[in-house]
Amino acid sequence: MSPARRSEAALLAVTVAWGLTFVTVQDAIAEIPVPTFLAYRFIAAALLLAFVFRSKLRSLTRRANLRGIQMGAFLAAGYLLQTYGLEATTASKAGFITGLFVVITPLIARITDRTPIGPVAWGAAAASAIGLFLLSGAGGSFTMRGDGLELLCAVAFSAHIIVTSHSVREGHDVAGLVVVQLAVVGVVCLAIAVAAGEVVMPRGATVWGTLVLTAVVATALAFMVQSWAQKHAAPARTALILAAEPAFAGFFGWLLAGDRLSLAGWFGALLILGAIIAVDLVPRLRPPRPLPEG
C-alpha cells in the first residue's frame, strides 16, 4: 500500500474515533465544566506524547514552536466552540455542522494561498448553507448558543487544517508540532477554567472513561496520525476524508443517544454530506484535457 493510501486509511480511522466522541463528550460535560474537561484531555495527551517523543522536542526550532503555537490556537478555538456548542445542540447536528469545515477550507485557502475556487466549490457552499438552514429546523431553532458555535468551530478547524499543512510541509518534526499544539490547547483551557473558578477533579466512570478515550485515542493518537498523513494528502483531500466524521457522529448519536432528525433535517444533512463529497469527487470525475496537437 502506498504512503498516500496508508495515510487516507489512517485518517478514516481517526474520523470514526472523532464521530464517537460527540456522544461521549456530551455525556461527560453534563458532569464536568467544559474548559476543565478540555484542559485535562489535552494536557494528558500532550504529556503522553512528550514522554514518548521527548528526544524530538529538543530539536524543535523557534520557527517550529511558533508553528505549533499557531496550530494550537486554532485547535483550542475549535474545541472550545465545539464543546460549548454541544451543551445546547444534539451530537448529530453538531457533527453535521462541524463537517462544514470541508467546504469552508477551500474558501479560506483562496484567501491565504490564493487557491482558485471553481464553480463546484461555490455550489457546495450554497448547498451547505441551505442544508444548515434545514438541519437547524428551517431557521426556527438555530441558536448561536448551540448550532452557531458549531458553525464557528468549523471555521476554526478549517484554519487549523491549512496551518497544519503549511507546518508539516516546511519540514518540521511532526511529533514536536503535535506536542506543542496540544500543550497550547491544554494551557489555554486550563487558564479559562482557573479564571472561571471551574477547576474540579473528574469523578465517575462516564467522565474518566471519556477522558481516557479522548486523551489517548481521539487526541494523542489522532493528531499524530493527522499531522503525519498531511505530508502525503493535500488539505482538500484531508478535509474530504475527515468529512466522514459527521456521518459517524450521526450514526453514534442515533445508536447511543437516541438522536432523531425531522424529514427536513435529514434532507439538510444529506445536502451537507453531498456538498462535502462534491468538493473533491466532482473534479476527479472530469476527463483529462487533451494534449495540444503538434
Foldseek 3Di string as FASTA:
>chain_A
DDLLVVLLVLLLVLLLLLLLLLVLLLVQCVPAPQLQLLLLQLVLLLVVLCVVPVVQQVPFDPVLLVLLLVLLVLLLLLSSLLSQQSPPDFLLLLLLLLLCLLLVLVVVCCVVVVDDDDPLSVVLVVLLVQLNCLLCPVVPNDDCRHSVSSNVSSNSVSSSLVSLLVSVVVPRDQSNSLSSSSNSSSVVSVVVCVVVVRNDDDDDPSSVVSSVSCRHRNRNVNSSSLSSSSVNDPSSRSSLSSSCNSVSNNVSSCVPVVDDTDPSSVVSSVSNNVSSCSVPPVVVPDDDDDDDDD
